[in-house]
Amino acid sequence: CKYLEDEPALAGLKITTSIYDPILIFAWYAVVPDKPELHEVQREIYK
């Protein structure tokens, strides 16, 4: 939610998951105290 405060308004786009889902991934990585090796979670994020 904090990230979205400064983001451009894109809710009106027809395809939005390719914009808003990545922001959740960025938020996850910013918050978790133990940063994983990203190649180790590549498959889960692809899924």
All heavy atoms as atom14 arrays in JSON, in Angstrom:
{
  "sequence": "CKYLEDEPALAGLKITTSIYDPILIFAWYAVVPDKPELHEVQREIYK",
  "atom14_mask": [
    [1, 1, 1, 1, 1, 1, 0, 0, 0, 0, 0, 0, 0, 0],
    [1, 1, 1, 1, 1, 1, 1, 1, 1, 0, 0, 0, 0, 0],
    [1, 1, 1, 1, 1, 1, 1, 1, 1, 1, 1, 1, 0, 0],
    [1, 1, 1, 1, 1, 1, 1, 1, 0, 0, 0, 0, 0, 0],
    [1, 1, 1, 1, 1, 1, 1, 1, 1, 0, 0, 0, 0, 0],
    [1, 1, 1, 1, 1, 1, 1, 1, 0, 0, 0, 0, 0, 0],
    [1, 1, 1, 1, 1, 1, 1, 1, 1, 0, 0, 0, 0, 0],
    [1, 1, 1, 1, 1, 1, 1, 0, 0, 0, 0, 0, 0, 0],
    [1, 1, 1, 1, 1, 0, 0, 0, 0, 0, 0, 0, 0, 0],
    [1, 1, 1, 1, 1, 1, 1, 1, 0, 0, 0, 0, 0, 0],
    [1, 1, 1, 1, 1, 0, 0, 0, 0, 0, 0, 0, 0, 0],
    [1, 1, 1, 1, 0, 0, 0, 0, 0, 0, 0, 0, 0, 0],
    [1, 1, 1, 1, 1, 1, 1, 1, 0, 0, 0, 0, 0, 0],
    [1, 1, 1, 1, 1, 1, 1, 1, 1, 0, 0, 0, 0, 0],
    [1, 1, 1, 1, 1, 1, 1, 1, 0, 0, 0, 0, 0, 0],
    [1, 1, 1, 1, 1, 1, 1, 0, 0, 0, 0, 0, 0, 0],
    [1, 1, 1, 1, 1, 1, 1, 0, 0, 0, 0, 0, 0, 0],
    [1, 1, 1, 1, 1, 1, 0, 0, 0, 0, 0, 0, 0, 0],
    [1, 1, 1, 1, 1, 1, 1, 1, 0, 0, 0, 0, 0, 0],
    [1, 1, 1, 1, 1, 1, 1, 1, 1, 1, 1, 1, 0, 0],
    [1, 1, 1, 1, 1, 1, 1, 1, 0, 0, 0, 0, 0, 0],
    [1, 1, 1, 1, 1, 1, 1, 0, 0, 0, 0, 0, 0, 0],
    [1, 1, 1, 1, 1, 1, 1, 1, 0, 0, 0, 0, 0, 0],
    [1, 1, 1, 1, 1, 1, 1, 1, 0, 0, 0, 0, 0, 0],
    [1, 1, 1, 1, 1, 1, 1, 1, 0, 0, 0, 0, 0, 0],
    [1, 1, 1, 1, 1, 1, 1, 1, 1, 1, 1, 0, 0, 0],
    [1, 1, 1, 1, 1, 0, 0, 0, 0, 0, 0, 0, 0, 0],
    [1, 1, 1, 1, 1, 1, 1, 1, 1, 1, 1, 1, 1, 1],
    [1, 1, 1, 1, 1, 1, 1, 1, 1, 1, 1, 1, 0, 0],
    [1, 1, 1, 1, 1, 0, 0, 0, 0, 0, 0, 0, 0, 0],
    [1, 1, 1, 1, 1, 1, 1, 0, 0, 0, 0, 0, 0, 0],
    [1, 1, 1, 1, 1, 1, 1, 0, 0, 0, 0, 0, 0, 0],
    [1, 1, 1, 1, 1, 1, 1, 0, 0, 0, 0, 0, 0, 0],
    [1, 1, 1, 1, 1, 1, 1, 1, 0, 0, 0, 0, 0, 0],
    [1, 1, 1, 1, 1, 1, 1, 1, 1, 0, 0, 0, 0, 0],
    [1, 1, 1, 1, 1, 1, 1, 0, 0, 0, 0, 0, 0, 0],
    [1, 1, 1, 1, 1, 1, 1, 1, 1, 0, 0, 0, 0, 0],
    [1, 1, 1, 1, 1, 1, 1, 1, 0, 0, 0, 0, 0, 0],
    [1, 1, 1, 1, 1, 1, 1, 1, 1, 1, 0, 0, 0, 0],
    [1, 1, 1, 1, 1, 1, 1, 1, 1, 0, 0, 0, 0, 0],
    [1, 1, 1, 1, 1, 1, 1, 0, 0, 0, 0, 0, 0, 0],
    [1, 1, 1, 1, 1, 1, 1, 1, 1, 0, 0, 0, 0, 0],
    [1, 1, 1, 1, 1, 1, 1, 1, 1, 1, 1, 0, 0, 0],
    [1, 1, 1, 1, 1, 1, 1, 1, 1, 0, 0, 0, 0, 0],
    [1, 1, 1, 1, 1, 1, 1, 1, 0, 0, 0, 0, 0, 0],
    [1, 1, 1, 1, 1, 1, 1, 1, 1, 1, 1, 1, 0, 0],
    [1, 1, 1, 1, 1, 1, 1, 1, 1, 0, 0, 0, 0, 0]
  ],
  "atom14_positions": [
    [[0.83, -1.21, 0.0], [0.0, 0.0, 0.0], [0.86, 1.26, 0.0], [0.54, 2.24, -0.68], [-0.92, 0.0, 1.22], [-2.13, -1.34, 1.24], [0.0, 0.0, 0.0], [0.0, 0.0, 0.0], [0.0, 0.0, 0.0], [0.0, 0.0, 0.0], [0.0, 0.0, 0.0], [0.0, 0.0, 0.0], [0.0, 0.0, 0.0], [0.0, 0.0, 0.0]],
    [[1.95, 1.21, 0.74], [2.86, 2.37, 0.8], [3.47, 2.63, -0.56], [3.58, 3.79, -1.0], [3.95, 2.12, 1.84], [4.9, 3.29, 2.04], [5.88, 3.03, 3.17], [6.87, 4.17, 3.32], [6.19, 5.45, 3.61], [0.0, 0.0, 0.0], [0.0, 0.0, 0.0], [0.0, 0.0, 0.0], [0.0, 0.0, 0.0], [0.0, 0.0, 0.0]],
    [[3.87, 1.58, -1.24], [4.42, 1.74, -2.59], [3.41, 2.44, -3.51], [3.77, 3.3, -4.31], [4.78, 0.38, -3.19], [6.11, -0.18, -2.74], [6.29, -1.56, -2.61], [7.19, 0.64, -2.46], [7.52, -2.09, -2.23], [8.43, 0.11, -2.06], [8.57, -1.26, -1.95], [9.78, -1.79, -1.57], [0.0, 0.0, 0.0], [0.0, 0.0, 0.0]],
    [[2.14, 2.05, -3.4], [1.14, 2.58, -4.31], [0.88, 4.07, -4.12], [0.39, 4.74, -5.03], [-0.18, 1.82, -4.16], [-0.18, 0.35, -4.6], [-1.59, -0.21, -4.53], [0.39, 0.18, -5.99], [0.0, 0.0, 0.0], [0.0, 0.0, 0.0], [0.0, 0.0, 0.0], [0.0, 0.0, 0.0], [0.0, 0.0, 0.0], [0.0, 0.0, 0.0]],
    [[1.23, 4.6, -2.96], [0.99, 6.02, -2.69], [1.68, 6.91, -3.72], [1.18, 7.98, -4.06], [1.46, 6.38, -1.28], [0.61, 5.76, -0.18], [1.19, 6.03, 1.2], [2.22, 6.74, 1.29], [0.62, 5.55, 2.2], [0.0, 0.0, 0.0], [0.0, 0.0, 0.0], [0.0, 0.0, 0.0], [0.0, 0.0, 0.0], [0.0, 0.0, 0.0]],
    [[2.84, 6.47, -4.19], [3.62, 7.29, -5.12], [3.63, 6.75, -6.54], [4.35, 7.26, -7.4], [5.07, 7.41, -4.62], [5.15, 8.08, -3.26], [4.4, 9.05, -3.05], [5.93, 7.62, -2.41], [0.0, 0.0, 0.0], [0.0, 0.0, 0.0], [0.0, 0.0, 0.0], [0.0, 0.0, 0.0], [0.0, 0.0, 0.0], [0.0, 0.0, 0.0]],
    [[2.84, 5.71, -6.8], [2.82, 5.11, -8.12], [1.78, 5.78, -9.02], [0.75, 6.25, -8.54], [2.49, 3.61, -8.01], [3.64, 2.78, -7.48], [4.89, 2.91, -8.34], [4.86, 2.49, -9.52], [5.88, 3.45, -7.85], [0.0, 0.0, 0.0], [0.0, 0.0, 0.0], [0.0, 0.0, 0.0], [0.0, 0.0, 0.0], [0.0, 0.0, 0.0]],
    [[2.04, 5.81, -10.33], [1.05, 6.38, -11.26], [-0.23, 5.55, -11.24], [-0.19, 4.34, -11.05], [1.75, 6.3, -12.62], [2.8, 5.25, -12.45], [3.25, 5.34, -11.03], [0.0, 0.0, 0.0], [0.0, 0.0, 0.0], [0.0, 0.0, 0.0], [0.0, 0.0, 0.0], [0.0, 0.0, 0.0], [0.0, 0.0, 0.0], [0.0, 0.0, 0.0]],
    [[-1.34, 6.22, -11.42], [-2.65, 5.56, -11.39], [-2.85, 4.74, -12.66], [-2.93, 5.29, -13.75], [-3.75, 6.6, -11.24], [0.0, 0.0, 0.0], [0.0, 0.0, 0.0], [0.0, 0.0, 0.0], [0.0, 0.0, 0.0], [0.0, 0.0, 0.0], [0.0, 0.0, 0.0], [0.0, 0.0, 0.0], [0.0, 0.0, 0.0], [0.0, 0.0, 0.0]],
    [[-2.93, 3.41, -12.49], [-3.06, 2.53, -13.65], [-4.21, 1.53, -13.5], [-4.26, 0.53, -14.19], [-1.74, 1.77, -13.87], [-0.53, 2.64, -14.23], [0.74, 1.79, -14.3], [-0.73, 3.38, -15.54], [0.0, 0.0, 0.0], [0.0, 0.0, 0.0], [0.0, 0.0, 0.0], [0.0, 0.0, 0.0], [0.0, 0.0, 0.0], [0.0, 0.0, 0.0]],
    [[-5.12, 1.83, -12.6], [-6.24, 0.91, -12.36], [-7.14, 0.74, -13.57], [-7.81, -0.27, -13.72], [-7.07, 1.38, -11.17], [0.0, 0.0, 0.0], [0.0, 0.0, 0.0], [0.0, 0.0, 0.0], [0.0, 0.0, 0.0], [0.0, 0.0, 0.0], [0.0, 0.0, 0.0], [0.0, 0.0, 0.0], [0.0, 0.0, 0.0], [0.0, 0.0, 0.0]],
    [[-7.13, 1.74, -14.47], [-8.02, 1.69, -15.61], [-7.52, 0.84, -16.77], [-8.23, 0.66, -17.76], [0.0, 0.0, 0.0], [0.0, 0.0, 0.0], [0.0, 0.0, 0.0], [0.0, 0.0, 0.0], [0.0, 0.0, 0.0], [0.0, 0.0, 0.0], [0.0, 0.0, 0.0], [0.0, 0.0, 0.0], [0.0, 0.0, 0.0], [0.0, 0.0, 0.0]],
    [[-6.34, 0.29, -16.65], [-5.8, -0.56, -17.71], [-6.59, -1.86, -17.81], [-7.1, -2.37, -16.81], [-4.33, -0.89, -17.43], [-3.33, 0.27, -17.53], [-1.96, -0.19, -17.04], [-3.23, 0.79, -18.94], [0.0, 0.0, 0.0], [0.0, 0.0, 0.0], [0.0, 0.0, 0.0], [0.0, 0.0, 0.0], [0.0, 0.0, 0.0], [0.0, 0.0, 0.0]],
    [[-6.65, -2.4, -19.01], [-7.34, -3.67, -19.19], [-6.53, -4.82, -18.61], [-7.07, -5.78, -18.05], [-7.6, -3.91, -20.68], [-8.48, -5.12, -20.96], [-8.94, -5.16, -22.41], [-9.89, -6.32, -22.64], [-10.4, -6.36, -24.03], [0.0, 0.0, 0.0], [0.0, 0.0, 0.0], [0.0, 0.0, 0.0], [0.0, 0.0, 0.0], [0.0, 0.0, 0.0]],
    [[-5.2, -4.75, -18.75], [-4.31, -5.79, -18.22], [-3.54, -5.19, -17.06], [-2.65, -4.36, -17.25], [-3.33, -6.28, -19.3], [-4.09, -6.76, -20.54], [-2.44, -7.4, -18.76], [-3.2, -7.05, -21.74], [0.0, 0.0, 0.0], [0.0, 0.0, 0.0], [0.0, 0.0, 0.0], [0.0, 0.0, 0.0], [0.0, 0.0, 0.0], [0.0, 0.0, 0.0]],
    [[-3.87, -5.56, -15.83], [-3.24, -4.94, -14.67], [-2.37, -5.89, -13.84], [-1.53, -5.44, -13.07], [-4.29, -4.32, -13.73], [-5.19, -5.36, -13.3], [-5.07, -3.22, -14.41], [0.0, 0.0, 0.0], [0.0, 0.0, 0.0], [0.0, 0.0, 0.0], [0.0, 0.0, 0.0], [0.0, 0.0, 0.0], [0.0, 0.0, 0.0], [0.0, 0.0, 0.0]],
    [[-2.58, -7.2, -13.98], [-1.8, -8.13, -13.15], [-0.31, -8.0, -13.44], [0.51, -8.21, -12.53], [-2.24, -9.59, -13.37], [-2.18, -9.88, -14.78], [-3.64, -9.82, -12.86], [0.0, 0.0, 0.0], [0.0, 0.0, 0.0], [0.0, 0.0, 0.0], [0.0, 0.0, 0.0], [0.0, 0.0, 0.0], [0.0, 0.0, 0.0], [0.0, 0.0, 0.0]],
    [[0.05, -7.65, -14.68], [1.47, -7.54, -15.02], [2.11, -6.29, -14.41], [3.32, -6.1, -14.52], [1.64, -7.5, -16.54], [0.88, -6.45, -17.12], [0.0, 0.0, 0.0], [0.0, 0.0, 0.0], [0.0, 0.0, 0.0], [0.0, 0.0, 0.0], [0.0, 0.0, 0.0], [0.0, 0.0, 0.0], [0.0, 0.0, 0.0], [0.0, 0.0, 0.0]],
    [[1.31, -5.46, -13.76], [1.82, -4.28, -13.08], [1.7, -4.42, -11.56], [2.67, -4.19, -10.83], [1.09, -3.01, -13.55], [1.44, -2.74, -15.02], [1.44, -1.81, -12.68], [0.67, -1.6, -15.64], [0.0, 0.0, 0.0], [0.0, 0.0, 0.0], [0.0, 0.0, 0.0], [0.0, 0.0, 0.0], [0.0, 0.0, 0.0], [0.0, 0.0, 0.0]],
    [[0.52, -4.83, -11.08], [0.3, -4.85, -9.64], [0.84, -6.1, -8.95], [1.29, -6.02, -7.79], [-1.19, -4.63, -9.34], [-1.59, -3.2, -9.63], [-2.31, -2.87, -10.78], [-1.21, -2.17, -8.79], [-2.64, -1.56, -11.07], [-1.54, -0.85, -9.05], [-2.24, -0.55, -10.2], [-2.56, 0.76, -10.47], [0.0, 0.0, 0.0], [0.0, 0.0, 0.0]],
    [[0.84, -7.23, -9.61], [1.43, -8.43, -8.99], [2.94, -8.27, -8.77], [3.44, -8.65, -7.71], [1.15, -9.66, -9.85], [-0.28, -10.17, -9.68], [-1.07, -9.49, -8.98], [-0.61, -11.22, -10.24], [0.0, 0.0, 0.0], [0.0, 0.0, 0.0], [0.0, 0.0, 0.0], [0.0, 0.0, 0.0], [0.0, 0.0, 0.0], [0.0, 0.0, 0.0]],
    [[3.69, -7.71, -9.71], [5.11, -7.48, -9.45], [5.36, -6.59, -8.24], [6.34, -6.81, -7.5], [5.6, -6.82, -10.74], [4.72, -7.38, -11.79], [3.37, -7.46, -11.15], [0.0, 0.0, 0.0], [0.0, 0.0, 0.0], [0.0, 0.0, 0.0], [0.0, 0.0, 0.0], [0.0, 0.0, 0.0], [0.0, 0.0, 0.0], [0.0, 0.0, 0.0]],
    [[4.5, -5.61, -7.99], [4.71, -4.73, -6.84], [4.61, -5.53, -5.54], [5.33, -5.26, -4.57], [3.71, -3.56, -6.86], [4.01, -2.66, -8.06], [3.78, -2.75, -5.57], [3.02, -1.52, -8.25], [0.0, 0.0, 0.0], [0.0, 0.0, 0.0], [0.0, 0.0, 0.0], [0.0, 0.0, 0.0], [0.0, 0.0, 0.0], [0.0, 0.0, 0.0]],
    [[3.74, -6.54, -5.52], [3.66, -7.39, -4.32], [4.95, -8.17, -4.13], [5.42, -8.36, -3.0], [2.47, -8.35, -4.42], [2.24, -9.2, -3.16], [1.81, -8.33, -1.99], [1.18, -10.27, -3.41], [0.0, 0.0, 0.0], [0.0, 0.0, 0.0], [0.0, 0.0, 0.0], [0.0, 0.0, 0.0], [0.0, 0.0, 0.0], [0.0, 0.0, 0.0]],
    [[5.56, -8.63, -5.23], [6.83, -9.35, -5.14], [7.92, -8.42, -4.62], [8.73, -8.8, -3.76], [7.22, -9.94, -6.51], [6.18, -10.95, -6.98], [8.61, -10.58, -6.43], [6.01, -12.15, -6.08], [0.0, 0.0, 0.0], [0.0, 0.0, 0.0], [0.0, 0.0, 0.0], [0.0, 0.0, 0.0], [0.0, 0.0, 0.0], [0.0, 0.0, 0.0]],
    [[7.95, -7.19, -5.11], [8.92, -6.22, -4.61], [8.7, -5.96, -3.11], [9.66, -5.85, -2.34], [8.8, -4.9, -5.37], [9.4, -4.93, -6.75], [8.6, -4.76, -7.87], [10.76, -5.11, -6.94], [9.14, -4.78, -9.15], [11.31, -5.14, -8.21], [10.51, -4.95, -9.32], [0.0, 0.0, 0.0], [0.0, 0.0, 0.0], [0.0, 0.0, 0.0]],
    [[7.43, -5.85, -2.7], [7.12, -5.62, -1.29], [7.57, -6.8, -0.43], [8.11, -6.61, 0.67], [5.62, -5.37, -1.12], [0.0, 0.0, 0.0], [0.0, 0.0, 0.0], [0.0, 0.0, 0.0], [0.0, 0.0, 0.0], [0.0, 0.0, 0.0], [0.0, 0.0, 0.0], [0.0, 0.0, 0.0], [0.0, 0.0, 0.0], [0.0, 0.0, 0.0]],
    [[7.33, -8.01, -0.92], [7.79, -9.21, -0.2], [9.3, -9.16, 0.03], [9.77, -9.36, 1.15], [7.42, -10.46, -1.0], [8.24, -11.67, -0.68], [8.15, -12.45, 0.44], [9.3, -12.22, -1.48], [9.09, -13.46, 0.4], [9.81, -13.34, -0.77], [9.85, -11.89, -2.69], [10.85, -14.11, -1.27], [10.89, -12.66, -3.2], [11.38, -13.75, -2.49]],
    [[10.04, -8.88, -1.03], [11.5, -8.89, -0.91], [11.99, -7.76, 0.0], [12.96, -7.93, 0.75], [12.15, -8.76, -2.29], [13.61, -9.1, -2.27], [14.05, -10.42, -2.28], [14.58, -8.09, -2.22], [15.39, -10.72, -2.25], [15.92, -8.38, -2.2], [16.33, -9.7, -2.21], [17.67, -10.0, -2.16], [0.0, 0.0, 0.0], [0.0, 0.0, 0.0]],
    [[11.31, -6.63, -0.04], [11.72, -5.5, 0.81], [11.51, -5.8, 2.29], [12.29, -5.34, 3.14], [10.93, -4.24, 0.41], [0.0, 0.0, 0.0], [0.0, 0.0, 0.0], [0.0, 0.0, 0.0], [0.0, 0.0, 0.0], [0.0, 0.0, 0.0], [0.0, 0.0, 0.0], [0.0, 0.0, 0.0], [0.0, 0.0, 0.0], [0.0, 0.0, 0.0]],
    [[10.47, -6.57, 2.6], [10.09, -6.79, 4.01], [10.8, -7.96, 4.66], [11.21, -7.87, 5.82], [8.56, -6.98, 4.11], [8.16, -7.52, 5.49], [7.84, -5.66, 3.82], [0.0, 0.0, 0.0], [0.0, 0.0, 0.0], [0.0, 0.0, 0.0], [0.0, 0.0, 0.0], [0.0, 0.0, 0.0], [0.0, 0.0, 0.0], [0.0, 0.0, 0.0]],
    [[10.97, -9.07, 3.95], [11.5, -10.26, 4.62], [12.92, -10.0, 5.13], [13.76, -9.47, 4.4], [11.5, -11.5, 3.7], [10.09, -11.96, 3.44], [12.23, -11.23, 2.39], [0.0, 0.0, 0.0], [0.0, 0.0, 0.0], [0.0, 0.0, 0.0], [0.0, 0.0, 0.0], [0.0, 0.0, 0.0], [0.0, 0.0, 0.0], [0.0, 0.0, 0.0]],
    [[13.19, -10.36, 6.38], [14.52, -10.1, 6.95], [15.62, -11.0, 6.38], [16.78, -10.6, 6.32], [14.32, -10.37, 8.45], [13.15, -11.3, 8.52], [12.27, -10.92, 7.39], [0.0, 0.0, 0.0], [0.0, 0.0, 0.0], [0.0, 0.0, 0.0], [0.0, 0.0, 0.0], [0.0, 0.0, 0.0], [0.0, 0.0, 0.0], [0.0, 0.0, 0.0]],
    [[15.24, -12.19, 5.96], [16.21, -13.13, 5.4], [16.01, -13.15, 3.88], [15.12, -13.82, 3.37], [16.0, -14.53, 5.98], [15.99, -14.51, 7.51], [17.03, -14.16, 8.09], [14.94, -14.8, 8.1], [0.0, 0.0, 0.0], [0.0, 0.0, 0.0], [0.0, 0.0, 0.0], [0.0, 0.0, 0.0], [0.0, 0.0, 0.0], [0.0, 0.0, 0.0]],
    [[16.85, -12.39, 3.17], [16.69, -12.28, 1.73], [17.12, -13.59, 1.05], [18.27, -14.01, 1.18], [17.55, -11.14, 1.16], [17.37, -9.81, 1.86], [15.95, -9.28, 1.75], [15.86, -7.9, 2.41], [14.47, -7.47, 2.59], [0.0, 0.0, 0.0], [0.0, 0.0, 0.0], [0.0, 0.0, 0.0], [0.0, 0.0, 0.0], [0.0, 0.0, 0.0]],
    [[16.23, -14.25, 0.35], [16.58, -15.52, -0.31], [17.38, -15.26, -1.58], [17.36, -14.16, -2.14], [15.23, -16.13, -0.65], [14.36, -14.94, -0.88], [14.83, -13.89, 0.1], [0.0, 0.0, 0.0], [0.0, 0.0, 0.0], [0.0, 0.0, 0.0], [0.0, 0.0, 0.0], [0.0, 0.0, 0.0], [0.0, 0.0, 0.0], [0.0, 0.0, 0.0]],
    [[18.08, -16.27, -2.03], [18.68, -16.22, -3.36], [17.54, -16.29, -4.36], [16.76, -17.25, -4.36], [19.64, -17.4, -3.55], [20.88, -17.35, -2.66], [21.82, -16.22, -3.05], [21.82, -15.83, -4.24], [22.55, -15.73, -2.17], [0.0, 0.0, 0.0], [0.0, 0.0, 0.0], [0.0, 0.0, 0.0], [0.0, 0.0, 0.0], [0.0, 0.0, 0.0]],
    [[17.42, -15.28, -5.19], [16.24, -15.19, -6.03], [16.11, -16.32, -7.03], [15.0, -16.73, -7.4], [16.21, -13.83, -6.73], [15.91, -12.67, -5.78], [16.16, -11.33, -6.46], [14.47, -12.74, -5.28], [0.0, 0.0, 0.0], [0.0, 0.0, 0.0], [0.0, 0.0, 0.0], [0.0, 0.0, 0.0], [0.0, 0.0, 0.0], [0.0, 0.0, 0.0]],
    [[17.25, -16.87, -7.47], [17.15, -17.98, -8.41], [16.5, -19.2, -7.75], [15.95, -20.06, -8.43], [18.53, -18.34, -8.97], [19.49, -18.89, -7.95], [19.54, -20.22, -7.65], [20.42, -18.27, -7.18], [20.46, -20.42, -6.72], [21.02, -19.26, -6.41], [0.0, 0.0, 0.0], [0.0, 0.0, 0.0], [0.0, 0.0, 0.0], [0.0, 0.0, 0.0]],
    [[16.55, -19.27, -6.42], [15.95, -20.4, -5.72], [14.42, -20.31, -5.67], [13.76, -21.32, -5.42], [16.51, -20.47, -4.29], [18.01, -20.76, -4.23], [18.55, -20.8, -2.82], [17.76, -20.51, -1.88], [19.74, -21.09, -2.65], [0.0, 0.0, 0.0], [0.0, 0.0, 0.0], [0.0, 0.0, 0.0], [0.0, 0.0, 0.0], [0.0, 0.0, 0.0]],
    [[13.87, -19.11, -5.88], [12.41, -18.95, -5.85], [11.85, -18.64, -7.24], [10.67, -18.31, -7.37], [12.0, -17.84, -4.86], [12.44, -18.19, -3.45], [12.57, -16.49, -5.28], [0.0, 0.0, 0.0], [0.0, 0.0, 0.0], [0.0, 0.0, 0.0], [0.0, 0.0, 0.0], [0.0, 0.0, 0.0], [0.0, 0.0, 0.0], [0.0, 0.0, 0.0]],
    [[12.7, -18.77, -8.25], [12.27, -18.47, -9.62], [11.05, -19.29, -10.04], [10.1, -18.77, -10.62], [13.42, -18.75, -10.6], [13.1, -18.48, -12.07], [12.91, -17.01, -12.36], [13.86, -16.25, -12.4], [11.67, -16.59, -12.57], [0.0, 0.0, 0.0], [0.0, 0.0, 0.0], [0.0, 0.0, 0.0], [0.0, 0.0, 0.0], [0.0, 0.0, 0.0]],
    [[11.07, -20.58, -9.73], [9.98, -21.46, -10.15], [8.67, -21.09, -9.46], [7.61, -21.08, -10.1], [10.35, -22.91, -9.84], [9.33, -23.94, -10.24], [9.02, -23.96, -11.72], [10.17, -24.26, -12.56], [10.08, -24.47, -13.88], [8.89, -24.41, -14.48], [11.16, -24.71, -14.58], [0.0, 0.0, 0.0], [0.0, 0.0, 0.0], [0.0, 0.0, 0.0]],
    [[8.72, -20.76, -8.16], [7.5, -20.41, -7.45], [6.88, -19.12, -8.01], [5.66, -19.01, -8.15], [7.77, -20.23, -5.95], [7.92, -21.52, -5.17], [9.35, -22.08, -5.24], [10.18, -21.55, -6.04], [9.63, -23.03, -4.52], [0.0, 0.0, 0.0], [0.0, 0.0, 0.0], [0.0, 0.0, 0.0], [0.0, 0.0, 0.0], [0.0, 0.0, 0.0]],
    [[7.72, -18.16, -8.32], [7.22, -16.9, -8.86], [6.67, -17.11, -10.27], [5.63, -16.55, -10.64], [8.32, -15.83, -8.81], [8.58, -15.47, -7.34], [7.93, -14.6, -9.61], [9.7, -14.5, -7.11], [0.0, 0.0, 0.0], [0.0, 0.0, 0.0], [0.0, 0.0, 0.0], [0.0, 0.0, 0.0], [0.0, 0.0, 0.0], [0.0, 0.0, 0.0]],
    [[7.32, -17.93, -11.04], [6.79, -18.27, -12.37], [5.4, -18.89, -12.24], [4.48, -18.55, -12.99], [7.74, -19.25, -13.08], [7.06, -20.04, -14.17], [6.7, -19.44, -15.37], [6.75, -21.39, -13.99], [6.05, -20.17, -16.37], [6.1, -22.12, -14.98], [5.75, -21.5, -16.16], [5.11, -22.21, -17.14], [0.0, 0.0, 0.0], [0.0, 0.0, 0.0]],
    [[5.22, -19.8, -11.29], [3.93, -20.46, -11.11], [2.84, -19.44, -10.83], [1.69, -19.58, -11.26], [4.01, -21.46, -9.96], [4.81, -22.71, -10.26], [4.05, -23.65, -11.16], [4.78, -24.98, -11.33], [4.06, -25.88, -12.26], [0.0, 0.0, 0.0], [0.0, 0.0, 0.0], [0.0, 0.0, 0.0], [0.0, 0.0, 0.0], [0.0, 0.0, 0.0]]
  ]
}
